[in-house]
């Protein structure tokens, strides 16, 4: 998540994005994720945005860390009770076997597809054995910018399943649908939860 144009869009529209990024949008996935976590779990939300989901993890009694490359988002996440927030990107994920869960919801899609295998490998290494990975992304092929200038990398469901398998992640749950985000454009998406 180091594309300058994408980061500039999020910095400029942080408040607007915060009004869209409500817990209701992700509630079924969040509830499933929380239900799978052990008591006092350590979890990481990469690309946390305003930190609403990370706040739900903290409220559920977890040790919740929130990472985002945009300082405006980090400030909002840090304001969530019980959340530890820092400005960081996927390349900063060098920990090994420390997280019970990692939540990466519609954030990796702003990085180049060429970086995805290494980023998935970093997630798998950072999870404890049996740890849970939640991943959300838009479905499609190739890379393109949306109408407001954000870089998007798209992947097909079969290619994503292959990447999960190659990384040693065992898929437990998938959900597909369509939705509109900050740009207002409707696009197909997939949400996946998998075990290390």
Protein backbone atom coordinates (compact mmCIF):
# COMPACT_ATOMS: atom_id res chain seq x y z
CA UNK A 1 0.00 0.00 0.00
CA UNK A 2 2.62 2.50 -1.06
CA UNK A 3 1.05 3.90 -4.24
CA UNK A 4 1.26 7.67 -3.62
CA UNK A 5 -1.91 8.52 -5.56
CA UNK A 6 -3.97 5.95 -3.65
CA UNK A 7 -2.64 7.12 -0.30
CA UNK A 8 -3.36 10.75 -1.21
CA UNK A 9 -6.99 9.88 -2.00
CA UNK A 10 -7.45 8.22 1.39
CA UNK A 11 -5.72 11.06 3.22
CA UNK A 12 -7.91 13.68 1.52
CA UNK A 13 -11.12 11.71 2.00
CA UNK A 14 -10.47 10.09 5.39
CA UNK A 15 -13.54 11.61 7.04
CA UNK A 16 -15.83 10.60 4.16
CA UNK A 17 -14.39 7.09 4.14
CA UNK A 18 -14.96 6.82 7.90
CA UNK A 19 -18.68 7.44 7.36
CA UNK A 20 -18.78 4.55 4.87
CA UNK A 21 -16.61 2.07 6.78
CA UNK A 22 -19.19 1.03 9.36
CA UNK A 23 -19.19 -2.18 11.33
CA UNK A 24 -22.55 -3.12 9.81
CA UNK A 25 -20.89 -3.59 6.41
CA UNK A 26 -18.68 -6.38 7.76
CA UNK A 27 -20.67 -7.61 10.75
CA UNK A 28 -21.17 -11.27 9.62
CA UNK A 29 -17.45 -11.66 8.88
CA UNK A 30 -16.40 -9.82 12.05
CA UNK A 31 -18.68 -11.94 14.22
CA UNK A 32 -17.41 -15.14 12.64
CA UNK A 33 -13.80 -14.02 13.11
CA UNK A 34 -14.34 -13.06 16.76
CA UNK A 35 -16.10 -16.36 17.49
CA UNK A 36 -13.03 -18.26 16.24
CA UNK A 37 -10.56 -16.39 18.47
CA UNK A 38 -9.27 -17.72 21.79
CA UNK A 39 -9.74 -15.66 24.94
CA UNK A 40 -7.36 -12.70 24.97
CA UNK A 41 -6.30 -13.29 21.37
CA UNK A 42 -3.68 -11.10 19.74
CA UNK A 43 -4.99 -9.82 16.41
CA UNK A 44 -3.71 -7.52 13.69
CA UNK A 45 -5.82 -5.43 11.29
CA UNK A 46 -3.69 -4.47 8.26
CA UNK A 47 -5.08 -1.55 6.28
CA UNK A 48 -7.41 -0.78 9.16
CA UNK A 49 -8.82 2.48 7.83
CA UNK A 50 -10.64 4.29 10.66
CA UNK A 51 -10.26 1.21 12.89
CA UNK A 52 -13.93 0.41 13.45
CA UNK A 53 -13.37 -3.33 13.07
CA UNK A 54 -10.22 -3.23 15.19
CA UNK A 55 -12.29 -1.48 17.85
CA UNK A 56 -14.76 -4.37 17.76
CA UNK A 57 -11.89 -6.79 18.33
CA UNK A 58 -10.70 -4.77 21.33
CA UNK A 59 -14.25 -4.59 22.71
CA UNK A 60 -14.37 -8.39 22.51
CA UNK A 61 -11.36 -8.59 24.84
CA UNK A 62 -8.62 -9.04 22.26
CA UNK A 63 -5.19 -7.43 22.10
CA UNK A 64 -5.94 -5.44 18.95
CA UNK A 65 -3.31 -3.85 16.70
CA UNK A 66 -4.27 -1.58 13.79
CA UNK A 67 -1.94 -0.75 10.88
CA UNK A 68 -2.54 1.69 8.05
CA UNK A 69 -0.20 3.64 5.76
CA UNK A 70 -2.33 6.82 5.99
CA UNK A 71 -1.67 8.94 9.08
CA UNK A 72 -5.24 10.28 9.14
CA UNK A 73 -6.57 6.72 9.35
CA UNK A 74 -4.05 5.78 12.04
CA UNK A 75 -5.23 8.72 14.16
CA UNK A 76 -8.85 7.59 13.89
CA UNK A 77 -7.94 3.98 14.69
CA UNK A 78 -5.89 5.08 17.70
CA UNK A 79 -9.00 6.82 19.06
CA UNK A 80 -10.81 3.46 19.26
CA UNK A 81 -10.77 2.25 22.90
CA UNK A 82 -8.22 -0.50 23.48
CA UNK A 83 -6.64 -0.28 20.02
CA UNK A 84 -2.90 0.13 19.44
CA UNK A 85 -2.40 1.84 16.07
CA UNK A 86 0.67 2.54 13.97
CA UNK A 87 1.51 3.75 10.50
CA UNK A 88 2.70 0.60 8.70
CA UNK A 89 2.36 -1.45 5.50
CA UNK A 90 2.54 -5.13 4.54
CA UNK A 91 6.32 -4.89 4.16
CA UNK A 92 6.52 -4.17 7.89
CA UNK A 93 5.03 -7.57 8.75
CA UNK A 94 8.12 -9.51 9.80
CA UNK A 95 6.83 -11.18 12.97
CA UNK A 96 6.74 -14.98 13.18
CA UNK A 97 4.05 -17.00 14.95
CA UNK A 98 2.67 -14.19 17.13
CA UNK A 99 -0.91 -13.51 15.98
CA UNK A 100 -4.02 -15.59 16.65
CA UNK A 101 -5.74 -13.73 13.84
CA UNK A 102 -4.92 -11.31 11.02
CA UNK A 103 -7.63 -9.23 9.35
CA UNK A 104 -6.77 -7.82 5.90
CA UNK A 105 -10.02 -6.53 4.49
CA UNK A 106 -9.88 -4.74 1.13
CA UNK A 107 -6.38 -3.39 1.71
CA UNK A 108 -4.00 -5.69 -0.18
CA UNK A 109 -5.93 -4.87 -3.35
CA UNK A 110 -4.18 -1.48 -3.34
CA UNK A 111 -0.80 -3.20 -3.77
CA UNK A 112 0.67 -4.69 -6.94
CA UNK A 113 -0.39 -8.27 -7.70
CA UNK A 114 3.31 -9.10 -8.02
CA UNK A 115 3.65 -8.42 -4.28
CA UNK A 116 0.74 -10.61 -3.19
CA UNK A 117 2.63 -13.93 -2.88
CA UNK A 118 5.24 -12.39 -0.55
CA UNK A 119 2.55 -10.58 1.44
CA UNK A 120 0.49 -13.76 1.85
CA UNK A 121 3.66 -15.59 2.95
CA UNK A 122 4.35 -12.87 5.54
CA UNK A 123 0.80 -13.23 6.89
CA UNK A 124 1.14 -17.02 7.11
CA UNK A 125 4.47 -16.69 8.98
CA UNK A 126 3.07 -14.10 11.39
CA UNK A 127 0.12 -16.29 12.38
CA UNK A 128 0.38 -18.85 15.14
CA UNK A 129 -0.21 -22.44 14.00
CA UNK A 130 -3.94 -22.67 13.36
CA UNK A 131 -4.28 -18.89 13.34
CA UNK A 132 -7.10 -17.34 11.32
CA UNK A 133 -6.64 -15.05 8.32
CA UNK A 134 -9.52 -12.92 7.03
CA UNK A 135 -9.03 -11.53 3.53
CA UNK A 136 -11.37 -9.40 1.46
CA UNK A 137 -10.75 -8.22 -2.10
CA UNK A 138 -12.44 -7.31 -5.38
CA UNK A 139 -12.77 -9.96 -8.04
CA UNK A 140 -11.50 -9.52 -11.59
CA UNK A 141 -8.21 -9.53 -13.49
CA UNK A 142 -5.26 -7.20 -13.84
CA UNK A 143 -4.57 -3.80 -12.34
CA UNK A 144 -6.36 -0.49 -12.93
CA UNK A 145 -7.27 2.80 -11.28
CA UNK A 146 -10.82 3.57 -10.23
CA UNK A 147 -12.67 6.81 -11.04
CA UNK A 148 -11.06 8.65 -8.10
CA UNK A 149 -7.51 7.49 -8.84
CA UNK A 150 -6.95 4.56 -6.48
CA UNK A 151 -4.82 1.67 -7.73
CA UNK A 152 -6.65 -1.67 -7.67
CA UNK A 153 -5.30 -5.15 -8.22
CA UNK A 154 -7.94 -7.70 -9.13
CA UNK A 155 -7.84 -11.49 -8.82
CA UNK A 156 -10.18 -14.29 -9.85
CA UNK A 157 -11.60 -16.65 -7.23
CA UNK A 158 -9.68 -19.68 -8.62
CA UNK A 159 -6.41 -17.72 -8.63
CA UNK A 160 -7.02 -16.57 -5.05
CA UNK A 161 -7.76 -20.13 -3.90
CA UNK A 162 -4.53 -21.27 -5.58
CA UNK A 163 -2.55 -18.51 -3.86
CA UNK A 164 -4.04 -19.48 -0.48
CA UNK A 165 -3.12 -23.14 -1.06
CA UNK A 166 0.42 -22.29 -2.21
CA UNK A 167 0.87 -20.24 0.97
CA UNK A 168 -0.25 -23.16 3.15
CA UNK A 169 -3.54 -21.54 4.16
CA UNK A 170 -6.61 -23.78 4.45
CA UNK A 171 -9.81 -22.00 3.41
CA UNK A 172 -12.73 -22.48 5.82
CA UNK A 173 -15.21 -19.89 4.63
CA UNK A 174 -15.91 -17.80 1.54
CA UNK A 175 -18.58 -15.30 0.62
CA UNK A 176 -19.02 -13.44 -2.65
CA UNK A 177 -21.20 -10.47 -3.49
CA UNK A 178 -21.23 -6.98 -4.94
CA UNK A 179 -20.76 -3.65 -3.25
CA UNK A 180 -19.93 0.01 -3.73
CA UNK A 181 -17.14 1.78 -1.90
CA UNK A 182 -15.72 5.28 -1.69
CA UNK A 183 -15.93 5.87 -5.47
CA UNK A 184 -19.52 4.68 -5.66
CA UNK A 185 -18.64 2.09 -8.30
CA UNK A 186 -20.27 -1.32 -7.75
CA UNK A 187 -17.90 -4.27 -8.10
CA UNK A 188 -17.88 -8.01 -7.28
CA UNK A 189 -15.94 -9.03 -4.17
CA UNK A 190 -14.91 -12.06 -2.19
CA UNK A 191 -14.29 -12.51 1.53
CA UNK A 192 -12.27 -15.51 2.70
CA UNK A 193 -11.30 -16.87 6.10
CA UNK A 194 -8.50 -19.42 6.20
CA UNK A 195 -6.27 -21.20 8.74
CA UNK A 196 -2.50 -21.17 8.86
